Amino acid sequence: MHTEIDKLCSIIILLSLGIIAVYASIQTAFITGLVAALVAPPAAILAGMVHAGKKFQSGSDIKKL
């Protein structure tokens, strides 16, 4: 009887550890995705502004104006 309780407890502990591991990996992936979603658009806008600034400073656009 005692060994069955020990087996049951160990199974429950292993299951809960597995659930915690899955939850932690999902949370990490969610946070990574959230950071990427927040960082990517401003970085793209900044890159576009720098690119436009370099284009504008090239001289051909200034002559057109």
PDB file of N, CA and C in Angstrom:
ATOM      1  N   MET A   1       0.833  -1.212   0.000  1.00  0.00           N
ATOM      2  CA  MET A   1       0.000   0.000   0.000  1.00  0.00           C
ATOM      3  C   MET A   1       0.862   1.255   0.000  1.00  0.00           C
ATOM      4  N   HIS A   2       1.904   1.215   0.822  1.00  0.00           N
ATOM      5  CA  HIS A   2       2.766   2.397   0.937  1.00  0.00           C
ATOM      6  C   HIS A   2       3.525   2.666  -0.366  1.00  0.00           C
ATOM      7  N   THR A   3       3.948   1.598  -1.042  1.00  0.00           N
ATOM      8  CA  THR A   3       4.685   1.784  -2.294  1.00  0.00           C
ATOM      9  C   THR A   3       3.779   2.357  -3.379  1.00  0.00           C
ATOM     10  N   GLU A   4       2.507   2.000  -3.386  1.00  0.00           N
ATOM     11  CA  GLU A   4       1.578   2.552  -4.377  1.00  0.00           C
ATOM     12  C   GLU A   4       1.399   4.053  -4.174  1.00  0.00           C
ATOM     13  N   ILE A   5       1.332   4.483  -2.928  1.00  0.00           N
ATOM     14  CA  ILE A   5       1.208   5.914  -2.639  1.00  0.00           C
ATOM     15  C   ILE A   5       2.473   6.648  -3.091  1.00  0.00           C
ATOM     16  N   ASP A   6       3.635   6.022  -2.849  1.00  0.00           N
ATOM     17  CA  ASP A   6       4.891   6.635  -3.287  1.00  0.00           C
ATOM     18  C   ASP A   6       4.935   6.764  -4.807  1.00  0.00           C
ATOM     19  N   LYS A   7       4.489   5.708  -5.500  1.00  0.00           N
ATOM     20  CA  LYS A   7       4.465   5.755  -6.965  1.00  0.00           C
ATOM     21  C   LYS A   7       3.527   6.861  -7.446  1.00  0.00           C
ATOM     22  N   LEU A   8       2.367   6.938  -6.826  1.00  0.00           N
ATOM     23  CA  LEU A   8       1.383   7.952  -7.209  1.00  0.00           C
ATOM     24  C   LEU A   8       1.935   9.355  -6.980  1.00  0.00           C
ATOM     25  N   CYS A   9       2.579   9.550  -5.834  1.00  0.00           N
ATOM     26  CA  CYS A   9       3.164  10.861  -5.531  1.00  0.00           C
ATOM     27  C   CYS A   9       4.255  11.219  -6.528  1.00  0.00           C
ATOM     28  N   SER A  10       5.105  10.249  -6.861  1.00  0.00           N
ATOM     29  CA  SER A  10       6.182  10.538  -7.805  1.00  0.00           C
ATOM     30  C   SER A  10       5.618  10.854  -9.185  1.00  0.00           C
ATOM     31  N   ILE A  11       4.549  10.147  -9.587  1.00  0.00           N
ATOM     32  CA  ILE A  11       3.917  10.432 -10.886  1.00  0.00           C
ATOM     33  C   ILE A  11       3.326  11.839 -10.885  1.00  0.00           C
ATOM     34  N   ILE A  12       2.658  12.212  -9.794  1.00  0.00           N
ATOM     35  CA  ILE A  12       2.060  13.551  -9.698  1.00  0.00           C
ATOM     36  C   ILE A  12       3.147  14.622  -9.745  1.00  0.00           C
ATOM     37  N   ILE A  13       4.255  14.380  -9.035  1.00  0.00           N
ATOM     38  CA  ILE A  13       5.357  15.353  -9.031  1.00  0.00           C
ATOM     39  C   ILE A  13       5.941  15.499 -10.431  1.00  0.00           C
ATOM     40  N   LEU A  14       6.151  14.358 -11.108  1.00  0.00           N
ATOM     41  CA  LEU A  14       6.706  14.410 -12.463  1.00  0.00           C
ATOM     42  C   LEU A  14       5.760  15.136 -13.417  1.00  0.00           C
ATOM     43  N   LEU A  15       4.462  14.870 -13.298  1.00  0.00           N
ATOM     44  CA  LEU A  15       3.482  15.543 -14.154  1.00  0.00           C
ATOM     45  C   LEU A  15       3.469  17.047 -13.908  1.00  0.00           C
ATOM     46  N   SER A  16       3.504  17.428 -12.631  1.00  0.00           N
ATOM     47  CA  SER A  16       3.473  18.858 -12.325  1.00  0.00           C
ATOM     48  C   SER A  16       4.746  19.542 -12.816  1.00  0.00           C
ATOM     49  N   LEU A  17       5.886  18.847 -12.704  1.00  0.00           N
ATOM     50  CA  LEU A  17       7.128  19.420 -13.229  1.00  0.00           C
ATOM     51  C   LEU A  17       7.056  19.569 -14.744  1.00  0.00           C
ATOM     52  N   GLY A  18       6.467  18.586 -15.417  1.00  0.00           N
ATOM     53  CA  GLY A  18       6.306  18.677 -16.864  1.00  0.00           C
ATOM     54  C   GLY A  18       5.405  19.833 -17.256  1.00  0.00           C
ATOM     55  N   ILE A  19       4.310  20.020 -16.523  1.00  0.00           N
ATOM     56  CA  ILE A  19       3.388  21.131 -16.805  1.00  0.00           C
ATOM     57  C   ILE A  19       4.095  22.466 -16.582  1.00  0.00           C
ATOM     58  N   ILE A  20       4.884  22.554 -15.502  1.00  0.00           N
ATOM     59  CA  ILE A  20       5.624  23.793 -15.224  1.00  0.00           C
ATOM     60  C   ILE A  20       6.624  24.069 -16.344  1.00  0.00           C
ATOM     61  N   ALA A  21       7.302  23.012 -16.821  1.00  0.00           N
ATOM     62  CA  ALA A  21       8.284  23.186 -17.896  1.00  0.00           C
ATOM     63  C   ALA A  21       7.609  23.667 -19.174  1.00  0.00           C
ATOM     64  N   VAL A  22       6.463  23.080 -19.508  1.00  0.00           N
ATOM     65  CA  VAL A  22       5.725  23.493 -20.710  1.00  0.00           C
ATOM     66  C   VAL A  22       5.259  24.939 -20.571  1.00  0.00           C
ATOM     67  N   TYR A  23       4.733  25.282 -19.392  1.00  0.00           N
ATOM     68  CA  TYR A  23       4.264  26.646 -19.154  1.00  0.00           C
ATOM     69  C   TYR A  23       5.410  27.647 -19.271  1.00  0.00           C
ATOM     70  N   ALA A  24       6.572  27.279 -18.703  1.00  0.00           N
ATOM     71  CA  ALA A  24       7.721  28.184 -18.760  1.00  0.00           C
ATOM     72  C   ALA A  24       8.182  28.380 -20.198  1.00  0.00           C
ATOM     73  N   SER A  25       8.189  27.312 -20.994  1.00  0.00           N
ATOM     74  CA  SER A  25       8.628  27.454 -22.383  1.00  0.00           C
ATOM     75  C   SER A  25       7.638  28.293 -23.181  1.00  0.00           C
ATOM     76  N   ILE A  26       6.334  28.104 -22.926  1.00  0.00           N
ATOM     77  CA  ILE A  26       5.318  28.916 -23.620  1.00  0.00           C
ATOM     78  C   ILE A  26       5.470  30.386 -23.224  1.00  0.00           C
ATOM     79  N   GLN A  27       5.695  30.624 -21.928  1.00  0.00           N
ATOM     80  CA  GLN A  27       5.837  31.997 -21.447  1.00  0.00           C
ATOM     81  C   GLN A  27       7.073  32.654 -22.063  1.00  0.00           C
ATOM     82  N   THR A  28       8.179  31.905 -22.140  1.00  0.00           N
ATOM     83  CA  THR A  28       9.404  32.433 -22.739  1.00  0.00           C
ATOM     84  C   THR A  28       9.170  32.777 -24.207  1.00  0.00           C
ATOM     85  N   ALA A  29       8.507  31.868 -24.923  1.00  0.00           N
ATOM     86  CA  ALA A  29       8.228  32.115 -26.337  1.00  0.00           C
ATOM     87  C   ALA A  29       7.319  33.330 -26.505  1.00  0.00           C
ATOM     88  N   PHE A  30       6.326  33.474 -25.625  1.00  0.00           N
ATOM     89  CA  PHE A  30       5.404  34.608 -25.702  1.00  0.00           C
ATOM     90  C   PHE A  30       6.143  35.917 -25.458  1.00  0.00           C
ATOM     91  N   ILE A  31       7.011  35.935 -24.418  1.00  0.00           N
ATOM     92  CA  ILE A  31       7.752  37.157 -24.097  1.00  0.00           C
ATOM     93  C   ILE A  31       8.708  37.496 -25.236  1.00  0.00           C
ATOM     94  N   THR A  32       9.369  36.474 -25.798  1.00  0.00           N
ATOM     95  CA  THR A  32      10.278  36.706 -26.922  1.00  0.00           C
ATOM     96  C   THR A  32       9.515  37.296 -28.103  1.00  0.00           C
ATOM     97  N   GLY A  33       8.347  36.731 -28.395  1.00  0.00           N
ATOM     98  CA  GLY A  33       7.536  37.248 -29.489  1.00  0.00           C
ATOM     99  C   GLY A  33       7.054  38.658 -29.231  1.00  0.00           C
ATOM    100  N   LEU A  34       6.691  38.927 -27.984  1.00  0.00           N
ATOM    101  CA  LEU A  34       6.220  40.263 -27.617  1.00  0.00           C
ATOM    102  C   LEU A  34       7.339  41.286 -27.781  1.00  0.00           C
ATOM    103  N   VAL A  35       8.538  40.942 -27.307  1.00  0.00           N
ATOM    104  CA  VAL A  35       9.682  41.849 -27.437  1.00  0.00           C
ATOM    105  C   VAL A  35       9.995  42.081 -28.909  1.00  0.00           C
ATOM    106  N   ALA A  36       9.967  41.016 -29.704  1.00  0.00           N
ATOM    107  CA  ALA A  36      10.235  41.153 -31.134  1.00  0.00           C
ATOM    108  C   ALA A  36       9.186  42.038 -31.802  1.00  0.00           C
ATOM    109  N   ALA A  37       7.920  41.872 -31.408  1.00  0.00           N
ATOM    110  CA  ALA A  37       6.849  42.674 -31.997  1.00  0.00           C
ATOM    111  C   ALA A  37       6.972  44.142 -31.607  1.00  0.00           C
ATOM    112  N   LEU A  38       7.457  44.410 -30.396  1.00  0.00           N
ATOM    113  CA  LEU A  38       7.602  45.794 -29.946  1.00  0.00           C
ATOM    114  C   LEU A  38       8.846  46.450 -30.526  1.00  0.00           C
ATOM    115  N   VAL A  39       9.909  45.668 -30.708  1.00  0.00           N
ATOM    116  CA  VAL A  39      11.191  46.238 -31.133  1.00  0.00           C
ATOM    117  C   VAL A  39      11.264  46.364 -32.651  1.00  0.00           C
ATOM    118  N   ALA A  40      10.668  45.415 -33.377  1.00  0.00           N
ATOM    119  CA  ALA A  40      10.824  45.374 -34.833  1.00  0.00           C
ATOM    120  C   ALA A  40      10.255  46.604 -35.549  1.00  0.00           C
ATOM    121  N   PRO A  41       9.020  47.062 -35.280  1.00  0.00           N
ATOM    122  CA  PRO A  41       8.507  48.209 -36.042  1.00  0.00           C
ATOM    123  C   PRO A  41       9.315  49.498 -35.864  1.00  0.00           C
ATOM    124  N   PRO A  42       9.685  49.886 -34.628  1.00  0.00           N
ATOM    125  CA  PRO A  42      10.514  51.087 -34.504  1.00  0.00           C
ATOM    126  C   PRO A  42      11.857  50.949 -35.200  1.00  0.00           C
ATOM    127  N   ALA A  43      12.440  49.746 -35.145  1.00  0.00           N
ATOM    128  CA  ALA A  43      13.720  49.526 -35.821  1.00  0.00           C
ATOM    129  C   ALA A  43      13.555  49.676 -37.329  1.00  0.00           C
ATOM    130  N   ALA A  44      12.445  49.163 -37.863  1.00  0.00           N
ATOM    131  CA  ALA A  44      12.194  49.282 -39.301  1.00  0.00           C
ATOM    132  C   ALA A  44      11.961  50.740 -39.686  1.00  0.00           C
ATOM    133  N   ILE A  45      11.225  51.467 -38.858  1.00  0.00           N
ATOM    134  CA  ILE A  45      10.971  52.888 -39.126  1.00  0.00           C
ATOM    135  C   ILE A  45      12.278  53.669 -39.093  1.00  0.00           C
ATOM    136  N   LEU A  46      13.104  53.373 -38.085  1.00  0.00           N
ATOM    137  CA  LEU A  46      14.395  54.053 -37.952  1.00  0.00           C
ATOM    138  C   LEU A  46      15.279  53.763 -39.158  1.00  0.00           C
ATOM    139  N   ALA A  47      15.315  52.494 -39.580  1.00  0.00           N
ATOM    140  CA  ALA A  47      16.123  52.125 -40.743  1.00  0.00           C
ATOM    141  C   ALA A  47      15.613  52.842 -41.988  1.00  0.00           C
ATOM    142  N   GLY A  48      14.288  52.941 -42.128  1.00  0.00           N
ATOM    143  CA  GLY A  48      13.720  53.649 -43.268  1.00  0.00           C
ATOM    144  C   GLY A  48      14.062  55.125 -43.255  1.00  0.00           C
ATOM    145  N   MET A  49      14.036  55.743 -42.067  1.00  0.00           N
ATOM    146  CA  MET A  49      14.382  57.163 -41.956  1.00  0.00           C
ATOM    147  C   MET A  49      15.847  57.393 -42.297  1.00  0.00           C
ATOM    148  N   VAL A  50      16.717  56.511 -41.801  1.00  0.00           N
ATOM    149  CA  VAL A  50      18.147  56.639 -42.102  1.00  0.00           C
ATOM    150  C   VAL A  50      18.374  56.474 -43.596  1.00  0.00           C
ATOM    151  N   HIS A  51      17.690  55.489 -44.195  1.00  0.00           N
ATOM    152  CA  HIS A  51      17.835  55.243 -45.629  1.00  0.00           C
ATOM    153  C   HIS A  51      17.348  56.459 -46.423  1.00  0.00           C
ATOM    154  N   ALA A  52      16.198  57.017 -46.021  1.00  0.00           N
ATOM    155  CA  ALA A  52      15.661  58.193 -46.714  1.00  0.00           C
ATOM    156  C   ALA A  52      16.595  59.382 -46.534  1.00  0.00           C
ATOM    157  N   GLY A  53      17.173  59.522 -45.337  1.00  0.00           N
ATOM    158  CA  GLY A  53      18.106  60.618 -45.095  1.00  0.00           C
ATOM    159  C   GLY A  53      19.344  60.505 -45.959  1.00  0.00           C
ATOM    160  N   LYS A  54      19.855  59.301 -46.108  1.00  0.00           N
ATOM    161  CA  LYS A  54      21.031  59.102 -46.963  1.00  0.00           C
ATOM    162  C   LYS A  54      20.681  59.399 -48.411  1.00  0.00           C
ATOM    163  N   LYS A  55      19.488  58.974 -48.824  1.00  0.00           N
ATOM    164  CA  LYS A  55      19.049  59.235 -50.194  1.00  0.00           C
ATOM    165  C   LYS A  55      18.930  60.741 -50.429  1.00  0.00           C
ATOM    166  N   PHE A  56      18.359  61.435 -49.433  1.00  0.00           N
ATOM    167  CA  PHE A  56      18.139  62.866 -49.578  1.00  0.00           C
ATOM    168  C   PHE A  56      19.469  63.615 -49.619  1.00  0.00           C
ATOM    169  N   GLN A  57      20.446  63.144 -48.848  1.00  0.00           N
ATOM    170  CA  GLN A  57      21.741  63.821 -48.788  1.00  0.00           C
ATOM    171  C   GLN A  57      22.621  63.507 -49.991  1.00  0.00           C
ATOM    172  N   SER A  58      22.190  62.581 -50.839  1.00  0.00           N
ATOM    173  CA  SER A  58      23.045  62.187 -51.957  1.00  0.00           C
ATOM    174  C   SER A  58      23.216  63.326 -52.964  1.00  0.00           C
ATOM    175  N   GLY A  59      22.313  64.296 -52.966  1.00  0.00           N
ATOM    176  CA  GLY A  59      22.493  65.459 -53.823  1.00  0.00           C
ATOM    177  C   GLY A  59      21.531  65.492 -54.990  1.00  0.00           C
ATOM    178  N   SER A  60      21.194  64.342 -55.522  1.00  0.00           N
ATOM    179  CA  SER A  60      20.316  64.330 -56.692  1.00  0.00           C
ATOM    180  C   SER A  60      18.920  64.828 -56.327  1.00  0.00           C
ATOM    181  N   ASP A  61      18.437  64.451 -55.129  1.00  0.00           N
ATOM    182  CA  ASP A  61      17.119  64.910 -54.696  1.00  0.00           C
ATOM    183  C   ASP A  61      17.130  66.408 -54.413  1.00  0.00           C
ATOM    184  N   ILE A  62      18.216  66.916 -53.862  1.00  0.00           N
ATOM    185  CA  ILE A  62      18.295  68.350 -53.558  1.00  0.00           C
ATOM    186  C   ILE A  62      18.280  69.157 -54.860  1.00  0.00           C
ATOM    187  N   LYS A  63      18.949  68.673 -55.874  1.00  0.00           N
ATOM    188  CA  LYS A  63      18.953  69.363 -57.168  1.00  0.00           C
ATOM    189  C   LYS A  63      17.562  69.356 -57.792  1.00  0.00           C
ATOM    190  N   LYS A  64      16.823  68.251 -57.583  1.00  0.00           N
ATOM    191  CA  LYS A  64      15.466  68.167 -58.125  1.00  0.00           C
ATOM    192  C   LYS A  64      14.557  69.200 -57.470  1.00  0.00           C
ATOM    193  N   LEU A  65      14.772  69.448 -56.169  1.00  0.00           N
ATOM    194  CA  LEU A  65      13.939  70.429 -55.470  1.00  0.00           C
ATOM    195  C   LEU A  65      14.286  71.819 -55.966  1.00  0.00           C
TER     196      LEU A  65
END
